[in-house]
Amino acid sequence: MSSRSAESIAFGLVVGIAAVVAPAPSISRASGQQSPQPSAPPAWQPIEATTFEQRESADPALKPAAENLLVLPVAASVSFLPPRIVAKGERIAAAAEPFRGVARLLPYLPIHDDYLRQRAALAKDGLALVDWCRKNHLDACAEFEAACRMDEIDDFQKPEYKPYLERWLAIRDKEQSAVSLPLPLDGEWYVLPDTTGHHRKKAFAAYAFDLVKRVDEKLFRGRGAALEDFYGFGQTIFAQGDGVVVSADDHFADNPPGKVGGFDDANGVIVNYGGGVLVDYAHLQKGSAKVKAGQRVVRGTPLGLVGNSGASGIPHLHTSVFDWSYDSIRARYHGEVLRGARWVAFAGEDLEKGSTVRNAPAAPTTRR
């Protein structure tokens, strides 16, 4: 497993169809009488609102093109599925599993012909190509080209990776998943602040979260000399919706507290929740995987246990929503956040780093 998958949209439509990734909302208010506004699809919905099959079948790449389109693949597919223009009525998907190939469908514009010519002319100068796309207001193409180059470099520690990442983040930050997820853990969990910015240094973890369990604001009992002293160690990780397991690895050893292992030595489970939404659960305890590749899961299915494998110094869950290139996506969650002594509901939002969160308690059942 490469470093990109160790920690790690399938499509984001700009054609007026509900997308797996939507622009992050901006709020404006106007005084006076309201003007009628055209109806628009919701920016997001909870994952519980649809089934895995519904999320998968909603892919417009399964249908003939409703208009002339520029088709962008996911970065990992570009070697065998380059960007192309399809005419109205033509088949879009090039494979039975379009989410592994089709990334974005853009209404065709004449400048897209220029873009395809620039791809050939600037094949050896990726930064120039990305900048050309930005200059010509083709942000989706710029994001795609930057992702392709990072996928090709495949090592965030190489100096040539950073300028692509910076350009990619400038665009990706404006997008957010159109699916909101519950937390994958029971009980109360603390969202670790990323004080070193280590997540933002790599596309496969740019929008990831690290979750730890605290009791009386402490992570462990006593001196925390053993993994078992940490309150989070061995806690069960649960599926956040119905989906299919993509991979499950649990053969790497857990690091002693304070010792950090290699990026490629993290145990983890990846689940495809449909509609281009994949979730990575990383640093699992050795031998703790409860599922295997290809297995169907539903919300609440145990996936594994919180551990300390890979690039981890203390037991925690690293979780990231990403696309089929294993590039991170800004996620949305729903649950409750602790404000002082009061729990406050939130929905469709990023997790707030430095906060304590939990899933909303189940509504009490009434006996008849």
Protein backbone atom coordinates (compact mmCIF):
# COMPACT_ATOMS: atom_id res chain seq x y z
CA MET A 1 0.00 0.00 0.00
CA SER A 2 1.48 3.39 -0.96
CA SER A 3 1.75 6.36 1.38
CA ARG A 4 -1.24 7.89 -0.40
CA SER A 5 -3.48 4.98 0.63
CA ALA A 6 -1.95 4.41 4.04
CA GLU A 7 -3.65 7.52 5.46
CA SER A 8 -5.71 8.50 3.05
CA ILE A 9 -14.90 13.33 -6.07
CA ALA A 10 -15.48 10.49 -7.52
CA PHE A 11 -17.58 13.03 -9.34
CA GLY A 12 -18.63 16.61 -8.63
CA LEU A 13 -21.13 17.81 -11.13
CA VAL A 14 -21.30 21.31 -12.46
CA VAL A 15 -24.36 20.45 -14.52
CA GLY A 16 -27.14 21.21 -12.04
CA ILE A 17 -27.43 17.66 -10.65
CA ALA A 18 -27.02 16.66 -7.00
CA ALA A 19 -23.30 16.06 -6.54
CA VAL A 20 -21.17 14.02 -4.21
CA VAL A 21 -19.15 17.17 -3.64
CA ALA A 22 -20.79 20.54 -3.52
CA PRO A 23 -19.31 24.03 -3.17
CA ALA A 24 -18.91 25.07 0.45
CA PRO A 25 -21.88 27.34 1.18
CA SER A 26 -21.58 31.10 1.51
CA ILE A 27 -24.32 32.95 3.35
CA SER A 28 -25.67 36.35 2.36
CA ARG A 29 -28.58 38.32 3.78
CA ALA A 30 -30.56 41.07 2.13
CA SER A 31 -32.83 43.59 3.81
CA GLY A 32 -36.33 44.36 2.63
CA GLN A 33 -38.76 42.19 0.74
CA GLN A 34 -37.51 38.80 -0.38
CA SER A 35 -37.34 38.08 -4.09
CA PRO A 36 -38.44 34.66 -5.35
CA GLN A 37 -35.45 32.32 -5.60
CA PRO A 38 -35.21 29.36 -7.95
CA SER A 39 -35.31 26.01 -6.20
CA ALA A 40 -31.99 24.21 -5.94
CA PRO A 41 -30.94 20.78 -4.75
CA PRO A 42 -29.86 20.74 -1.09
CA ALA A 43 -26.16 21.28 -0.47
CA TRP A 44 -26.02 18.09 1.58
CA GLN A 45 -28.08 15.33 3.12
CA PRO A 46 -27.40 12.82 5.91
CA ILE A 47 -26.16 9.47 4.71
CA GLU A 48 -29.14 7.85 6.41
CA ALA A 49 -31.45 9.53 3.86
CA THR A 50 -30.37 7.19 1.04
CA THR A 51 -29.19 3.63 0.54
CA PHE A 52 -25.89 2.50 -0.91
CA GLU A 53 -27.67 1.44 -4.09
CA GLN A 54 -29.39 4.81 -4.42
CA ARG A 55 -26.11 6.68 -4.00
CA GLU A 56 -24.42 4.48 -6.59
CA SER A 57 -27.24 4.59 -9.13
CA ALA A 58 -27.48 8.39 -8.93
CA ASP A 59 -24.29 8.64 -10.99
CA PRO A 60 -25.16 10.52 -14.20
CA ALA A 61 -22.16 8.88 -15.85
CA LEU A 62 -24.33 5.78 -16.10
CA LYS A 63 -26.64 7.58 -18.52
CA PRO A 64 -26.06 8.98 -22.01
CA ALA A 65 -24.81 12.56 -21.97
CA ALA A 66 -27.69 15.03 -21.70
CA GLU A 67 -25.53 17.65 -23.45
CA ASN A 68 -22.02 18.01 -24.82
CA LEU A 69 -19.65 17.44 -21.90
CA LEU A 70 -16.00 17.55 -20.89
CA VAL A 71 -15.36 14.37 -18.90
CA LEU A 72 -12.57 14.45 -16.33
CA PRO A 73 -11.45 11.14 -14.81
CA VAL A 74 -10.20 10.66 -11.27
CA ALA A 75 -6.47 11.30 -11.15
CA ALA A 76 -5.58 7.64 -10.63
CA SER A 77 -7.37 6.69 -13.87
CA VAL A 78 -5.81 9.25 -16.20
CA SER A 79 -3.23 6.85 -17.66
CA PHE A 80 -5.97 4.76 -19.31
CA LEU A 81 -8.87 7.24 -19.28
CA PRO A 82 -7.70 10.74 -20.31
CA PRO A 83 -9.99 13.79 -20.30
CA ARG A 84 -12.30 13.76 -23.29
CA ILE A 85 -15.29 15.49 -24.80
CA VAL A 86 -18.45 13.47 -25.32
CA ALA A 87 -21.34 14.59 -27.49
CA LYS A 88 -24.96 14.71 -26.38
CA GLY A 89 -26.44 11.23 -26.42
CA GLU A 90 -23.09 9.43 -26.19
CA ARG A 91 -22.19 7.00 -23.41
CA ILE A 92 -20.12 8.64 -20.67
CA ALA A 93 -18.86 5.81 -18.48
CA ALA A 94 -16.01 3.81 -19.95
CA ALA A 95 -16.33 0.98 -17.43
CA ALA A 96 -18.92 -0.84 -15.35
CA GLU A 97 -17.73 1.02 -12.25
CA PRO A 98 -17.85 4.70 -13.26
CA PHE A 99 -16.92 6.02 -9.83
CA ARG A 100 -13.47 4.57 -10.34
CA GLY A 101 -13.11 6.41 -13.62
CA VAL A 102 -15.34 9.47 -14.00
CA ALA A 103 -14.53 12.43 -11.77
CA ARG A 104 -16.39 15.44 -13.14
CA LEU A 105 -18.81 16.23 -15.91
CA LEU A 106 -18.54 19.81 -17.16
CA PRO A 107 -20.85 21.42 -19.71
CA TYR A 108 -18.79 21.74 -22.87
CA LEU A 109 -17.31 25.15 -23.67
CA PRO A 110 -15.11 26.03 -26.67
CA ILE A 111 -12.21 26.73 -24.29
CA HIS A 112 -12.20 23.05 -23.39
CA ASP A 113 -10.72 22.37 -26.84
CA ASP A 114 -7.91 24.77 -25.92
CA TYR A 115 -7.50 22.95 -22.61
CA LEU A 116 -7.02 19.59 -24.31
CA ARG A 117 -4.46 21.14 -26.66
CA GLN A 118 -2.64 22.69 -23.70
CA ARG A 119 -2.54 19.27 -21.99
CA ALA A 120 -0.51 17.98 -24.92
CA ALA A 121 1.65 21.10 -25.33
CA LEU A 122 2.48 21.37 -21.60
CA ALA A 123 2.76 17.68 -20.83
CA LYS A 124 6.25 18.21 -19.40
CA ASP A 125 5.37 21.33 -17.41
CA GLY A 126 2.55 20.46 -15.07
CA LEU A 127 2.69 23.67 -13.07
CA ALA A 128 2.37 25.75 -16.21
CA LEU A 129 -0.67 23.69 -17.20
CA VAL A 130 -2.32 24.11 -13.80
CA ASP A 131 -1.65 27.85 -13.87
CA TRP A 132 -3.01 28.13 -17.42
CA CYS A 133 -6.22 26.49 -16.24
CA ARG A 134 -6.55 28.86 -13.29
CA LYS A 135 -5.85 31.89 -15.48
CA ASN A 136 -8.62 30.80 -17.82
CA HIS A 137 -11.09 30.15 -15.00
CA LEU A 138 -11.00 26.37 -15.41
CA ASP A 139 -10.64 25.54 -11.74
CA ALA A 140 -12.03 22.02 -12.10
CA CYS A 141 -9.39 21.28 -14.72
CA ALA A 142 -6.68 22.88 -12.59
CA GLU A 143 -7.68 20.79 -9.58
CA PHE A 144 -7.67 17.65 -11.71
CA GLU A 145 -4.25 18.38 -13.25
CA ALA A 146 -2.71 19.13 -9.84
CA ALA A 147 -4.14 15.88 -8.47
CA CYS A 148 -2.71 13.95 -11.43
CA ARG A 149 0.78 15.31 -10.80
CA MET A 150 0.62 14.55 -7.08
CA ASP A 151 -0.55 11.04 -7.87
CA GLU A 152 2.39 10.67 -10.25
CA ILE A 153 4.93 12.00 -7.72
CA ASP A 154 3.38 9.77 -5.02
CA ASP A 155 5.54 11.17 -2.20
CA PHE A 156 4.48 14.28 -0.33
CA GLN A 157 7.99 14.68 1.06
CA LYS A 158 9.49 15.41 -2.36
CA PRO A 159 9.95 19.16 -2.98
CA GLU A 160 8.15 19.04 -6.33
CA TYR A 161 4.94 17.85 -4.59
CA LYS A 162 4.31 21.02 -2.55
CA PRO A 163 3.54 23.54 -5.33
CA TYR A 164 0.91 21.21 -6.77
CA LEU A 165 -0.58 20.68 -3.32
CA GLU A 166 -0.82 24.43 -2.70
CA ARG A 167 -2.68 24.97 -5.97
CA TRP A 168 -4.92 21.97 -5.33
CA LEU A 169 -5.83 23.11 -1.81
CA ALA A 170 -6.74 26.59 -3.02
CA ILE A 171 -9.53 25.00 -5.08
CA ARG A 172 -10.43 21.94 -2.98
CA ASP A 173 -10.98 24.08 0.12
CA LYS A 174 -14.05 25.58 -1.60
CA GLU A 175 -15.73 22.18 -1.98
CA GLN A 176 -17.40 19.93 0.55
CA SER A 177 -19.05 16.54 0.57
CA ALA A 178 -22.76 16.44 -0.19
CA VAL A 179 -23.18 13.60 2.32
CA SER A 180 -23.12 14.12 6.09
CA LEU A 181 -21.86 11.28 8.27
CA PRO A 182 -22.37 10.29 11.92
CA LEU A 183 -19.28 9.65 14.03
CA PRO A 184 -17.71 6.19 13.67
CA LEU A 185 -17.27 5.77 17.45
CA ASP A 186 -19.51 5.43 20.48
CA GLY A 187 -19.25 7.81 23.40
CA GLU A 188 -17.42 11.11 23.72
CA TRP A 189 -14.32 11.84 21.62
CA TYR A 190 -11.91 14.74 21.43
CA VAL A 191 -10.91 16.12 18.03
CA LEU A 192 -7.16 16.69 18.18
CA PRO A 193 -5.94 20.07 16.89
CA ASP A 194 -3.46 19.67 14.04
CA THR A 195 -0.87 21.95 15.63
CA THR A 196 1.89 20.92 13.22
CA GLY A 197 -0.28 21.10 10.10
CA HIS A 198 0.81 17.57 9.19
CA HIS A 199 -2.51 16.70 7.54
CA ARG A 200 -2.35 19.69 5.21
CA LYS A 201 1.02 18.54 3.86
CA LYS A 202 -0.50 15.70 1.84
CA ALA A 203 -3.50 15.44 -0.42
CA PHE A 204 -4.54 12.06 0.99
CA ALA A 205 -5.06 13.55 4.46
CA ALA A 206 -5.69 17.25 3.87
CA TYR A 207 -9.14 17.15 5.50
CA ALA A 208 -8.60 14.26 7.91
CA PHE A 209 -9.43 14.22 11.61
CA ASP A 210 -7.69 12.54 14.54
CA LEU A 211 -9.98 11.41 17.35
CA VAL A 212 -8.86 10.46 20.87
CA LYS A 213 -10.75 9.48 23.99
CA ARG A 214 -10.28 11.58 27.12
CA VAL A 215 -11.42 11.15 30.70
CA ASP A 216 -11.13 14.22 32.93
CA GLU A 217 -9.15 15.80 30.05
CA LYS A 218 -6.52 13.05 30.24
CA LEU A 219 -5.75 10.57 27.45
CA PHE A 220 -4.48 7.78 29.69
CA ARG A 221 -4.44 6.29 33.15
CA GLY A 222 -1.39 6.73 35.34
CA ARG A 223 1.77 7.52 33.35
CA GLY A 224 0.48 6.15 30.05
CA ALA A 225 3.39 3.73 29.81
CA ALA A 226 1.38 1.00 28.09
CA LEU A 227 -1.03 1.15 25.18
CA GLU A 228 -3.73 -0.31 27.41
CA ASP A 229 -3.41 2.77 29.64
CA PHE A 230 -4.92 4.93 26.88
CA TYR A 231 -8.68 5.27 27.13
CA GLY A 232 -9.14 5.06 23.37
CA PHE A 233 -7.03 1.96 22.78
CA GLY A 234 -9.21 -1.00 21.81
CA GLN A 235 -12.40 1.03 21.35
CA THR A 236 -14.62 -0.25 18.53
CA ILE A 237 -14.86 1.63 15.22
CA PHE A 238 -18.23 1.34 13.48
CA ALA A 239 -19.41 1.74 9.90
CA GLN A 240 -21.10 5.11 9.35
CA GLY A 241 -23.64 3.88 6.84
CA ASP A 242 -24.37 1.06 4.44
CA GLY A 243 -21.56 0.32 2.03
CA VAL A 244 -18.93 -2.11 0.83
CA VAL A 245 -15.48 -2.71 2.30
CA VAL A 246 -12.73 -1.82 -0.19
CA SER A 247 -9.79 -3.09 1.86
CA ALA A 248 -8.88 -4.23 5.36
CA ASP A 249 -5.32 -4.53 6.70
CA ASP A 250 -4.46 -5.45 10.28
CA HIS A 251 -1.12 -7.28 10.22
CA PHE A 252 1.15 -4.42 11.34
CA ALA A 253 2.29 -4.18 14.96
CA ASP A 254 1.16 -1.37 17.24
CA ASN A 255 3.85 1.11 18.26
CA PRO A 256 4.69 1.59 21.96
CA PRO A 257 3.42 4.93 23.29
CA GLY A 258 5.60 7.77 22.03
CA LYS A 259 7.11 5.74 19.19
CA VAL A 260 6.06 6.53 15.63
CA GLY A 261 6.11 3.95 12.87
CA GLY A 262 6.20 4.27 9.09
CA PHE A 263 3.49 5.72 6.84
CA ASP A 264 3.10 2.42 5.03
CA ASP A 265 2.73 0.42 8.24
CA ALA A 266 -0.73 1.58 9.30
CA ASN A 267 -3.50 -0.96 9.71
CA GLY A 268 -6.75 0.32 8.28
CA VAL A 269 -10.15 -0.29 6.77
CA ILE A 270 -11.54 1.58 3.77
CA VAL A 271 -15.29 1.55 3.12
CA ASN A 272 -17.05 2.64 -0.06
CA TYR A 273 -20.33 4.28 0.99
CA GLY A 274 -21.44 4.84 -2.58
CA GLY A 275 -21.74 7.93 -4.71
CA GLY A 276 -18.00 8.45 -4.66
CA VAL A 277 -17.76 8.70 -0.86
CA LEU A 278 -15.02 6.51 0.60
CA VAL A 279 -13.87 6.65 4.22
CA ASP A 280 -10.49 5.61 5.56
CA TYR A 281 -10.14 4.38 9.16
CA ALA A 282 -6.44 4.22 10.00
CA HIS A 283 -3.98 3.19 12.77
CA LEU A 284 -6.13 0.22 13.80
CA GLN A 285 -4.96 -2.28 16.40
CA LYS A 286 -3.08 -5.28 15.07
CA GLY A 287 -5.36 -8.23 14.33
CA SER A 288 -8.51 -6.24 15.08
CA ALA A 289 -10.18 -5.97 11.65
CA LYS A 290 -13.75 -7.27 11.85
CA VAL A 291 -14.45 -7.11 8.10
CA LYS A 292 -12.83 -8.10 4.82
CA ALA A 293 -12.69 -6.67 1.32
CA GLY A 294 -15.97 -7.02 -0.56
CA GLN A 295 -18.09 -7.37 2.56
CA ARG A 296 -21.35 -5.41 2.82
CA VAL A 297 -21.75 -3.33 5.96
CA VAL A 298 -24.52 -1.25 7.50
CA ARG A 299 -24.40 1.56 9.98
CA GLY A 300 -23.08 0.16 13.24
CA THR A 301 -21.18 -2.79 11.75
CA PRO A 302 -17.92 -3.16 13.76
CA LEU A 303 -14.94 -2.49 11.49
CA GLY A 304 -11.98 -2.80 13.88
CA LEU A 305 -10.42 -1.40 17.03
CA VAL A 306 -8.57 1.85 17.71
CA GLY A 307 -4.84 1.14 17.76
CA ASN A 308 -1.43 2.73 17.33
CA SER A 309 -0.01 1.30 14.10
CA GLY A 310 1.82 3.20 11.38
CA ALA A 311 2.72 6.89 11.67
CA SER A 312 1.11 7.23 15.08
CA GLY A 313 2.61 7.97 18.50
CA ILE A 314 -0.53 7.57 20.64
CA PRO A 315 -3.66 5.46 20.13
CA HIS A 316 -6.18 7.37 18.05
CA LEU A 317 -8.45 7.04 15.04
CA HIS A 318 -7.37 8.87 11.90
CA THR A 319 -10.34 9.17 9.58
CA SER A 320 -10.63 10.81 6.20
CA VAL A 321 -13.26 10.99 3.48
CA PHE A 322 -11.73 10.69 0.05
CA ASP A 323 -12.27 9.96 -3.64
CA TRP A 324 -11.19 6.99 -5.75
CA SER A 325 -7.72 8.49 -6.12
CA TYR A 326 -7.51 8.48 -2.30
CA ASP A 327 -7.41 12.27 -2.25
CA SER A 328 -9.04 13.81 0.79
CA ILE A 329 -12.42 15.55 0.60
CA ARG A 330 -13.78 18.11 3.05
CA ALA A 331 -16.35 16.06 4.93
CA ARG A 332 -19.57 16.84 6.74
CA TYR A 333 -20.69 15.26 10.00
CA HIS A 334 -23.69 15.34 12.29
CA GLY A 335 -23.86 14.79 16.03
CA GLU A 336 -23.40 16.89 19.15
CA VAL A 337 -20.56 19.12 20.34
CA LEU A 338 -19.88 20.03 23.98
CA ARG A 339 -20.26 23.77 24.70
CA GLY A 340 -19.37 24.34 28.33
CA ALA A 341 -21.62 21.92 30.18
CA ARG A 342 -24.19 21.66 27.39
CA TRP A 343 -24.36 19.41 24.33
CA VAL A 344 -25.33 21.27 21.16
CA ALA A 345 -26.50 19.55 17.98
CA PHE A 346 -24.69 20.15 14.69
CA ALA A 347 -25.31 18.79 11.21
CA GLY A 348 -23.61 19.02 7.83
CA GLU A 349 -20.46 20.59 9.28
CA ASP A 350 -16.76 19.89 9.62
CA LEU A 351 -15.67 18.56 12.99
CA GLU A 352 -14.32 21.38 15.09
CA LYS A 353 -10.74 20.70 16.10
CA GLY A 354 -10.17 21.07 19.82
CA SER A 355 -13.78 20.12 20.59
CA THR A 356 -15.46 17.16 22.26
CA VAL A 357 -18.09 15.45 20.10
CA ARG A 358 -20.45 12.53 20.20
CA ASN A 359 -23.32 11.03 18.23
CA ALA A 360 -26.73 12.30 19.20
CA PRO A 361 -28.34 9.96 21.75
CA ALA A 362 -30.98 7.68 20.30
CA ALA A 363 -34.53 8.89 20.78
CA PRO A 364 -36.25 6.99 23.60
CA THR A 365 -38.74 4.38 22.50
CA THR A 366 -42.28 4.42 23.83
CA ARG A 367 -43.80 1.16 24.98
CA ARG A 368 -47.38 0.46 24.07
